[in-house]
C-alpha atoms as a PDB file:
ATOM      1  CA  MET A   1      12.201 -37.332  71.232  1.00  0.00           C
ATOM      2  CA  SER A   2      14.848 -37.154  73.917  1.00  0.00           C
ATOM      3  CA  ALA A   3      16.024 -40.078  75.994  1.00  0.00           C
ATOM      4  CA  VAL A   4      14.807 -38.195  79.055  1.00  0.00           C
ATOM      5  CA  ALA A   5      11.290 -38.114  77.664  1.00  0.00           C
ATOM      6  CA  LEU A   6      11.444 -41.876  77.254  1.00  0.00           C
ATOM      7  CA  ASP A   7      12.529 -42.398  80.845  1.00  0.00           C
ATOM      8  CA  GLY A   8      10.214 -40.257  82.932  1.00  0.00           C
ATOM      9  CA  PRO A   9       9.778 -40.570  86.690  1.00  0.00           C
ATOM     10  CA  GLY A  10       7.743 -43.576  87.739  1.00  0.00           C
ATOM     11  CA  SER A  11       7.769 -45.180  84.302  1.00  0.00           C
ATOM     12  CA  THR A  12       8.136 -48.947  84.198  1.00  0.00           C
ATOM     13  CA  PHE A  13      10.275 -50.974  81.819  1.00  0.00           C
ATOM     14  CA  THR A  14       7.217 -51.813  79.728  1.00  0.00           C
ATOM     15  CA  ASP A  15       6.124 -48.157  79.707  1.00  0.00           C
ATOM     16  CA  ARG A  16       9.515 -47.096  78.362  1.00  0.00           C
ATOM     17  CA  ILE A  17       9.446 -49.709  75.611  1.00  0.00           C
ATOM     18  CA  PHE A  18       5.946 -48.664  74.545  1.00  0.00           C
ATOM     19  CA  GLU A  19       7.060 -45.028  74.479  1.00  0.00           C
ATOM     20  CA  LEU A  20       9.973 -46.006  72.270  1.00  0.00           C
ATOM     21  CA  LEU A  21       7.616 -48.029  70.084  1.00  0.00           C
ATOM     22  CA  ASN A  22       5.523 -44.903  69.580  1.00  0.00           C
ATOM     23  CA  VAL A  23       8.464 -43.002  68.087  1.00  0.00           C
ATOM     24  CA  ALA A  24      10.141 -45.865  66.219  1.00  0.00           C
ATOM     25  CA  ASP A  25       9.445 -46.334  62.523  1.00  0.00           C
ATOM     26  CA  PHE A  26       9.840 -49.839  61.073  1.00  0.00           C
ATOM     27  CA  ARG A  27      10.700 -49.772  57.371  1.00  0.00           C
ATOM     28  CA  ARG A  28      11.325 -52.557  54.899  1.00  0.00           C
ATOM     29  CA  ALA A  29      14.456 -51.820  52.893  1.00  0.00           C
ATOM     30  CA  ASP A  30      13.358 -52.219  49.296  1.00  0.00           C
ATOM     31  CA  SER A  31      15.375 -49.452  47.645  1.00  0.00           C
ATOM     32  CA  ASP A  32      19.071 -49.654  46.848  1.00  0.00           C
ATOM     33  CA  ALA A  33      19.685 -46.546  48.945  1.00  0.00           C
ATOM     34  CA  ASP A  34      17.990 -47.984  52.034  1.00  0.00           C
ATOM     35  CA  ARG A  35      19.814 -51.286  51.682  1.00  0.00           C
ATOM     36  CA  GLU A  36      23.148 -49.554  51.232  1.00  0.00           C
ATOM     37  CA  GLU A  37      22.630 -47.521  54.401  1.00  0.00           C
ATOM     38  CA  ILE A  38      21.852 -50.713  56.302  1.00  0.00           C
ATOM     39  CA  PHE A  39      24.877 -52.559  54.891  1.00  0.00           C
ATOM     40  CA  ARG A  40      27.076 -49.719  56.105  1.00  0.00           C
ATOM     41  CA  LEU A  41      25.468 -49.741  59.546  1.00  0.00           C
ATOM     42  CA  ARG A  42      26.089 -53.478  59.733  1.00  0.00           C
ATOM     43  CA  TYR A  43      29.709 -52.966  58.814  1.00  0.00           C
ATOM     44  CA  SER A  44      30.373 -50.337  61.460  1.00  0.00           C
ATOM     45  CA  ALA A  45      28.506 -52.286  64.161  1.00  0.00           C
ATOM     46  CA  TYR A  46      30.155 -55.633  63.474  1.00  0.00           C
ATOM     47  CA  LEU A  47      33.606 -54.115  62.963  1.00  0.00           C
ATOM     48  CA  ALA A  48      33.398 -52.191  66.245  1.00  0.00           C
ATOM     49  CA  GLU A  49      32.916 -55.395  68.215  1.00  0.00           C
ATOM     50  CA  GLY A  50      35.553 -57.348  66.301  1.00  0.00           C
ATOM     51  CA  GLY A  51      33.011 -59.514  64.523  1.00  0.00           C
ATOM     52  CA  ILE A  52      34.293 -59.065  60.970  1.00  0.00           C
ATOM     53  CA  ALA A  53      37.395 -58.037  59.069  1.00  0.00           C
ATOM     54  CA  ALA A  54      37.742 -54.524  57.700  1.00  0.00           C
ATOM     55  CA  ASN A  55      37.115 -54.091  53.986  1.00  0.00           C
ATOM     56  CA  PHE A  56      37.653 -51.303  51.491  1.00  0.00           C
ATOM     57  CA  GLU A  57      33.948 -50.859  50.682  1.00  0.00           C
ATOM     58  CA  LYS A  58      32.992 -50.398  54.360  1.00  0.00           C
ATOM     59  CA  ARG A  59      29.816 -52.424  53.908  1.00  0.00           C
ATOM     60  CA  PHE A  60      28.717 -55.852  55.122  1.00  0.00           C
ATOM     61  CA  THR A  61      26.450 -57.970  52.960  1.00  0.00           C
ATOM     62  CA  ASP A  62      26.186 -61.574  51.789  1.00  0.00           C
ATOM     63  CA  PRO A  63      24.164 -63.595  49.248  1.00  0.00           C
ATOM     64  CA  TYR A  64      21.343 -64.249  51.734  1.00  0.00           C
ATOM     65  CA  ASP A  65      20.405 -60.570  51.459  1.00  0.00           C
ATOM     66  CA  ASP A  66      19.332 -61.133  47.859  1.00  0.00           C
ATOM     67  CA  LEU A  67      17.181 -64.220  48.288  1.00  0.00           C
ATOM     68  CA  GLY A  68      13.464 -64.079  47.628  1.00  0.00           C
ATOM     69  CA  ASN A  69      12.739 -65.285  51.160  1.00  0.00           C
ATOM     70  CA  ALA A  70      14.681 -62.438  52.792  1.00  0.00           C
ATOM     71  CA  TRP A  71      13.272 -59.264  54.323  1.00  0.00           C
ATOM     72  CA  ILE A  72      15.647 -56.519  55.453  1.00  0.00           C
ATOM     73  CA  PHE A  73      14.368 -53.905  57.879  1.00  0.00           C
ATOM     74  CA  GLY A  74      15.568 -50.693  59.413  1.00  0.00           C
ATOM     75  CA  VAL A  75      14.327 -49.201  62.662  1.00  0.00           C
ATOM     76  CA  TYR A  76      14.314 -45.408  62.427  1.00  0.00           C
ATOM     77  CA  ILE A  77      14.018 -42.855  65.210  1.00  0.00           C
ATOM     78  CA  ASP A  78      13.669 -39.191  64.298  1.00  0.00           C
ATOM     79  CA  ASP A  79      14.092 -40.328  60.678  1.00  0.00           C
ATOM     80  CA  LYS A  80      17.586 -41.686  61.421  1.00  0.00           C
ATOM     81  CA  LEU A  81      18.567 -45.320  61.034  1.00  0.00           C
ATOM     82  CA  ALA A  82      19.013 -46.715  64.543  1.00  0.00           C
ATOM     83  CA  SER A  83      19.135 -50.472  63.975  1.00  0.00           C
ATOM     84  CA  SER A  84      18.539 -53.172  61.410  1.00  0.00           C
ATOM     85  CA  ILE A  85      17.795 -56.858  61.085  1.00  0.00           C
ATOM     86  CA  ARG A  86      17.442 -59.378  58.263  1.00  0.00           C
ATOM     87  CA  ILE A  87      14.751 -62.042  58.390  1.00  0.00           C
ATOM     88  CA  ASN A  88      14.737 -65.174  56.244  1.00  0.00           C
ATOM     89  CA  VAL A  89      11.704 -67.463  56.212  1.00  0.00           C
ATOM     90  CA  ALA A  90      12.065 -71.084  55.151  1.00  0.00           C
ATOM     91  CA  THR A  91       9.743 -73.960  54.348  1.00  0.00           C
ATOM     92  CA  LYS A  92      10.392 -77.392  52.899  1.00  0.00           C
ATOM     93  CA  ASP A  93      10.075 -75.947  49.389  1.00  0.00           C
ATOM     94  CA  PHE A  94      12.092 -72.773  50.102  1.00  0.00           C
ATOM     95  CA  ALA A  95      14.816 -74.069  52.383  1.00  0.00           C
ATOM     96  CA  ASP A  96      17.514 -71.395  52.033  1.00  0.00           C
ATOM     97  CA  LEU A  97      18.449 -70.013  55.452  1.00  0.00           C
ATOM     98  CA  PRO A  98      21.665 -68.405  56.718  1.00  0.00           C
ATOM     99  CA  SER A  99      21.711 -70.776  59.687  1.00  0.00           C
ATOM    100  CA  LEU A 100      20.972 -73.897  57.637  1.00  0.00           C
ATOM    101  CA  GLY A 101      24.463 -74.077  56.185  1.00  0.00           C
ATOM    102  CA  VAL A 102      25.997 -73.950  59.659  1.00  0.00           C
ATOM    103  CA  PHE A 103      23.535 -76.137  61.567  1.00  0.00           C
ATOM    104  CA  PRO A 104      22.093 -78.494  58.922  1.00  0.00           C
ATOM    105  CA  GLU A 105      21.703 -81.506  61.192  1.00  0.00           C
ATOM    106  CA  PHE A 106      19.371 -79.532  63.457  1.00  0.00           C
ATOM    107  CA  LEU A 107      17.362 -77.580  60.894  1.00  0.00           C
ATOM    108  CA  MET A 108      16.989 -79.793  57.836  1.00  0.00           C
ATOM    109  CA  PRO A 109      14.946 -82.469  59.644  1.00  0.00           C
ATOM    110  CA  GLU A 110      12.542 -79.770  60.832  1.00  0.00           C
ATOM    111  CA  LEU A 111      12.109 -78.399  57.311  1.00  0.00           C
ATOM    112  CA  GLU A 112      11.643 -81.865  55.863  1.00  0.00           C
ATOM    113  CA  ALA A 113       8.933 -82.439  58.471  1.00  0.00           C
ATOM    114  CA  GLY A 114       7.048 -79.442  57.075  1.00  0.00           C
ATOM    115  CA  LYS A 115       8.005 -76.907  59.732  1.00  0.00           C
ATOM    116  CA  ILE A 116       8.170 -73.178  58.979  1.00  0.00           C
ATOM    117  CA  ILE A 117      11.345 -71.561  60.311  1.00  0.00           C
ATOM    118  CA  VAL A 118      12.082 -67.864  60.805  1.00  0.00           C
ATOM    119  CA  ASP A 119      15.778 -66.968  60.973  1.00  0.00           C
ATOM    120  CA  PRO A 120      16.543 -63.384  62.110  1.00  0.00           C
ATOM    121  CA  THR A 121      20.201 -62.506  61.500  1.00  0.00           C
ATOM    122  CA  ARG A 122      22.497 -59.538  60.869  1.00  0.00           C
ATOM    123  CA  HIS A 123      21.172 -57.641  63.889  1.00  0.00           C
ATOM    124  CA  ALA A 124      23.018 -54.316  63.913  1.00  0.00           C
ATOM    125  CA  VAL A 125      22.552 -51.287  66.160  1.00  0.00           C
ATOM    126  CA  ASP A 126      23.978 -47.801  65.854  1.00  0.00           C
ATOM    127  CA  ARG A 127      26.226 -47.251  68.874  1.00  0.00           C
ATOM    128  CA  ASP A 128      24.916 -43.773  69.702  1.00  0.00           C
ATOM    129  CA  ALA A 129      21.300 -44.887  69.330  1.00  0.00           C
ATOM    130  CA  ALA A 130      21.892 -47.895  71.581  1.00  0.00           C
ATOM    131  CA  ALA A 131      23.265 -45.648  74.315  1.00  0.00           C
ATOM    132  CA  ARG A 132      20.390 -43.213  73.985  1.00  0.00           C
ATOM    133  CA  TYR A 133      17.623 -45.816  73.691  1.00  0.00           C
ATOM    134  CA  PRO A 134      18.441 -48.907  75.790  1.00  0.00           C
ATOM    135  CA  GLY A 135      15.198 -50.574  74.690  1.00  0.00           C
ATOM    136  CA  LEU A 136      16.208 -50.515  71.031  1.00  0.00           C
ATOM    137  CA  VAL A 137      17.236 -54.167  71.120  1.00  0.00           C
ATOM    138  CA  TYR A 138      13.622 -55.107  71.898  1.00  0.00           C
ATOM    139  CA  MET A 139      12.348 -53.011  68.988  1.00  0.00           C
ATOM    140  CA  THR A 140      14.682 -54.822  66.625  1.00  0.00           C
ATOM    141  CA  MET A 141      13.886 -58.247  68.054  1.00  0.00           C
ATOM    142  CA  ARG A 142      10.181 -57.463  67.667  1.00  0.00           C
ATOM    143  CA  LEU A 143      10.526 -57.628  63.876  1.00  0.00           C
ATOM    144  CA  GLY A 144      11.503 -61.284  64.047  1.00  0.00           C
ATOM    145  CA  TRP A 145       8.587 -61.897  66.375  1.00  0.00           C
ATOM    146  CA  MET A 146       6.187 -60.258  63.926  1.00  0.00           C
ATOM    147  CA  ALA A 147       7.573 -62.370  61.085  1.00  0.00           C
ATOM    148  CA  ALA A 148       6.877 -65.518  63.076  1.00  0.00           C
ATOM    149  CA  ALA A 149       3.294 -64.342  63.613  1.00  0.00           C
ATOM    150  CA  TYR A 150       2.738 -63.356  59.977  1.00  0.00           C
ATOM    151  CA  PHE A 151       4.066 -66.626  58.563  1.00  0.00           C
ATOM    152  CA  ASN A 152       2.568 -68.750  61.357  1.00  0.00           C
ATOM    153  CA  ALA A 153       6.036 -70.121  62.097  1.00  0.00           C
ATOM    154  CA  ASP A 154       6.765 -73.238  64.060  1.00  0.00           C
ATOM    155  CA  ILE A 155      10.340 -72.343  65.003  1.00  0.00           C
ATOM    156  CA  LEU A 156      11.962 -68.975  65.674  1.00  0.00           C
ATOM    157  CA  LEU A 157      15.751 -69.103  65.632  1.00  0.00           C
ATOM    158  CA  ALA A 158      18.401 -67.126  67.438  1.00  0.00           C
ATOM    159  CA  ALA A 159      21.856 -67.721  65.965  1.00  0.00           C
ATOM    160  CA  VAL A 160      23.911 -65.831  68.526  1.00  0.00           C
ATOM    161  CA  ARG A 161      27.233 -65.689  70.309  1.00  0.00           C
ATOM    162  CA  SER A 162      27.456 -67.611  73.576  1.00  0.00           C
ATOM    163  CA  GLU A 163      27.446 -64.446  75.675  1.00  0.00           C
ATOM    164  CA  HIS A 164      24.049 -63.470  74.239  1.00  0.00           C
ATOM    165  CA  GLN A 165      22.322 -66.736  75.066  1.00  0.00           C
ATOM    166  CA  ALA A 166      21.121 -65.556  78.479  1.00  0.00           C
ATOM    167  CA  PHE A 167      19.185 -62.663  76.915  1.00  0.00           C
ATOM    168  CA  TYR A 168      17.305 -64.858  74.440  1.00  0.00           C
ATOM    169  CA  ARG A 169      16.673 -67.493  77.082  1.00  0.00           C
ATOM    170  CA  ARG A 170      15.200 -64.882  79.422  1.00  0.00           C
ATOM    171  CA  VAL A 171      13.160 -62.897  76.902  1.00  0.00           C
ATOM    172  CA  GLY A 172      11.989 -65.486  74.410  1.00  0.00           C
ATOM    173  CA  GLY A 173      12.494 -68.754  76.200  1.00  0.00           C
ATOM    174  CA  HIS A 174      14.869 -69.962  73.493  1.00  0.00           C
ATOM    175  CA  ARG A 175      16.906 -73.060  74.263  1.00  0.00           C
ATOM    176  CA  VAL A 176      20.391 -73.925  73.058  1.00  0.00           C
ATOM    177  CA  VAL A 177      20.378 -76.810  70.601  1.00  0.00           C
ATOM    178  CA  CYS A 178      23.977 -76.462  69.409  1.00  0.00           C
ATOM    179  CA  PRO A 179      26.985 -74.827  71.077  1.00  0.00           C
ATOM    180  CA  ALA A 180      28.971 -72.188  69.236  1.00  0.00           C
ATOM    181  CA  ARG A 181      30.725 -73.207  66.047  1.00  0.00           C
ATOM    182  CA  PRO A 182      32.428 -71.268  63.215  1.00  0.00           C
ATOM    183  CA  TYR A 183      30.058 -69.135  61.141  1.00  0.00           C
ATOM    184  CA  PRO A 184      30.858 -67.838  57.628  1.00  0.00           C
ATOM    185  CA  LEU A 185      32.241 -64.286  57.413  1.00  0.00           C
ATOM    186  CA  LEU A 186      32.247 -63.852  61.200  1.00  0.00           C
ATOM    187  CA  HIS A 187      35.321 -63.910  63.432  1.00  0.00           C
ATOM    188  CA  LYS A 188      33.431 -65.154  66.466  1.00  0.00           C
ATOM    189  CA  PRO A 189      31.641 -68.520  66.708  1.00  0.00           C
ATOM    190  CA  ILE A 190      27.847 -68.649  66.790  1.00  0.00           C
ATOM    191  CA  SER A 191      25.516 -70.955  68.709  1.00  0.00           C
ATOM    192  CA  LEU A 192      22.035 -72.026  67.661  1.00  0.00           C
ATOM    193  CA  MET A 193      19.011 -71.416  69.865  1.00  0.00           C
ATOM    194  CA  THR A 194      15.442 -72.314  68.965  1.00  0.00           C
ATOM    195  CA  LEU A 195      12.000 -71.404  70.230  1.00  0.00           C
ATOM    196  CA  ASP A 196       8.783 -73.342  69.702  1.00  0.00           C
ATOM    197  CA  TYR A 197       6.935 -70.218  68.622  1.00  0.00           C
ATOM    198  CA  GLN A 198       3.433 -71.647  68.788  1.00  0.00           C
ATOM    199  CA  ALA A 199       3.971 -72.896  72.342  1.00  0.00           C
ATOM    200  CA  GLY A 200       5.766 -69.787  73.571  1.00  0.00           C
ATOM    201  CA  ARG A 201       3.883 -66.951  71.892  1.00  0.00           C
ATOM    202  CA  GLY A 202       1.201 -66.427  74.529  1.00  0.00           C
ATOM    203  CA  ARG A 203       3.639 -66.570  77.420  1.00  0.00           C
ATOM    204  CA  VAL A 204       6.084 -64.111  75.864  1.00  0.00           C
ATOM    205  CA  GLU A 205       3.423 -61.626  74.741  1.00  0.00           C
ATOM    206  CA  HIS A 206       1.858 -61.703  78.199  1.00  0.00           C
ATOM    207  CA  ARG A 207       5.180 -60.847  79.816  1.00  0.00           C
ATOM    208  CA  TYR A 208       6.305 -58.452  77.072  1.00  0.00           C
ATOM    209  CA  PRO A 209       3.106 -56.981  75.572  1.00  0.00           C
ATOM    210  CA  PHE A 210       5.084 -54.713  73.237  1.00  0.00           C
ATOM    211  CA  PHE A 211       5.820 -57.801  71.117  1.00  0.00           C
ATOM    212  CA  ARG A 212       2.158 -57.928  70.127  1.00  0.00           C
ATOM    213  CA  SER A 213       1.224 -56.561  66.715  1.00  0.00           C
ATOM    214  CA  THR A 214      -1.834 -56.162  64.538  1.00  0.00           C
ATOM    215  CA  ASN A 215      -2.571 -57.986  61.308  1.00  0.00           C
ATOM    216  CA  PHE A 216      -2.400 -54.651  59.504  1.00  0.00           C
ATOM    217  CA  GLU A 217       1.058 -53.862  60.876  1.00  0.00           C
ATOM    218  CA  ARG A 218       2.383 -57.276  59.880  1.00  0.00           C
ATOM    219  CA  ARG A 219       0.888 -57.045  56.400  1.00  0.00           C
ATOM    220  CA  MET A 220       2.435 -53.630  55.826  1.00  0.00           C
ATOM    221  CA  LEU A 221       5.867 -55.024  56.664  1.00  0.00           C
ATOM    222  CA  PHE A 222       5.817 -58.498  55.135  1.00  0.00           C
ATOM    223  CA  GLU A 223       3.237 -58.538  52.356  1.00  0.00           C
ATOM    224  CA  ARG A 224       4.681 -58.097  48.880  1.00  0.00           C
ATOM    225  CA  LEU A 225       4.271 -59.615  45.445  1.00  0.00           C
ATOM    226  CA  GLN A 226       5.287 -63.221  45.883  1.00  0.00           C
ATOM    227  CA  GLY A 227       6.135 -63.899  42.247  1.00  0.00           C
ATOM    228  CA  GLY A 228       6.735 -67.576  43.028  1.00  0.00           C
ATOM    229  CA  ALA A 229      10.132 -66.748  44.498  1.00  0.00           C
ATOM    230  CA  VAL A 230       9.321 -66.724  48.199  1.00  0.00           C
ATOM    231  CA  PRO A 231       7.242 -68.845  50.554  1.00  0.00           C
ATOM    232  CA  GLU A 232       3.576 -67.984  50.550  1.00  0.00           C
ATOM    233  CA  ARG A 233       2.124 -66.881  53.833  1.00  0.00           C
ATOM    234  CA  ALA A 234       1.219 -69.833  56.041  1.00  0.00           C
ATOM    235  CA  TYR A 235      -2.227 -69.727  57.572  1.00  0.00           C
ATOM    236  CA  ALA A 236      -3.317 -70.970  60.952  1.00  0.00           C
ATOM    237  CA  ASP A 237      -5.431 -73.774  59.470  1.00  0.00           C
ATOM    238  CA  ARG A 238      -2.604 -75.405  57.531  1.00  0.00           C
END
């Protein structure tokens, strides 16, 4: 679908995002081929903005991609990879998170208190797709929002550069809990923002209804054989 078709006369911001949602395909990257394509998209996106050093393999991955509590997703439009995000989910018993090693004094007490934390990282967008579909960032962010709903999270993180704080503050209501500090493998420092998901969910979904999702959609994306290696789904009556 053309960008023009997604930006018709009289259409509102929300209309345009819903139209994009209708043509976007969210896929969990389970195969080696899908993961490799995403690692290469990450590399090109991060390298273009000076976020990482060049490497011979032209791919960007780290050990958190291989953890049992990690889900890697691609957003496809017209069957082409447009963006990607990685989502790690942590509990007291499964505490591995990308952001935990950088911000332990803020996150470990929450995990020890029994909180469920969702940590979306490695957000990467194809440059051409971003120019053609300005709402793509919301589609990618929506995956983290769905993870928080599926796992009944207490805290939804945004580990972002300082210049991106305003976006997460405006859209999600995240608040800065730690200013930017060095982050492994990245050239630019990263700050930590958090959202009380349970308190903010209704407000955000009222303002941005495209963040809503069905139980079926969430199950299709996040349900898989647990095998004792990842946190079990948390239910509302916990």
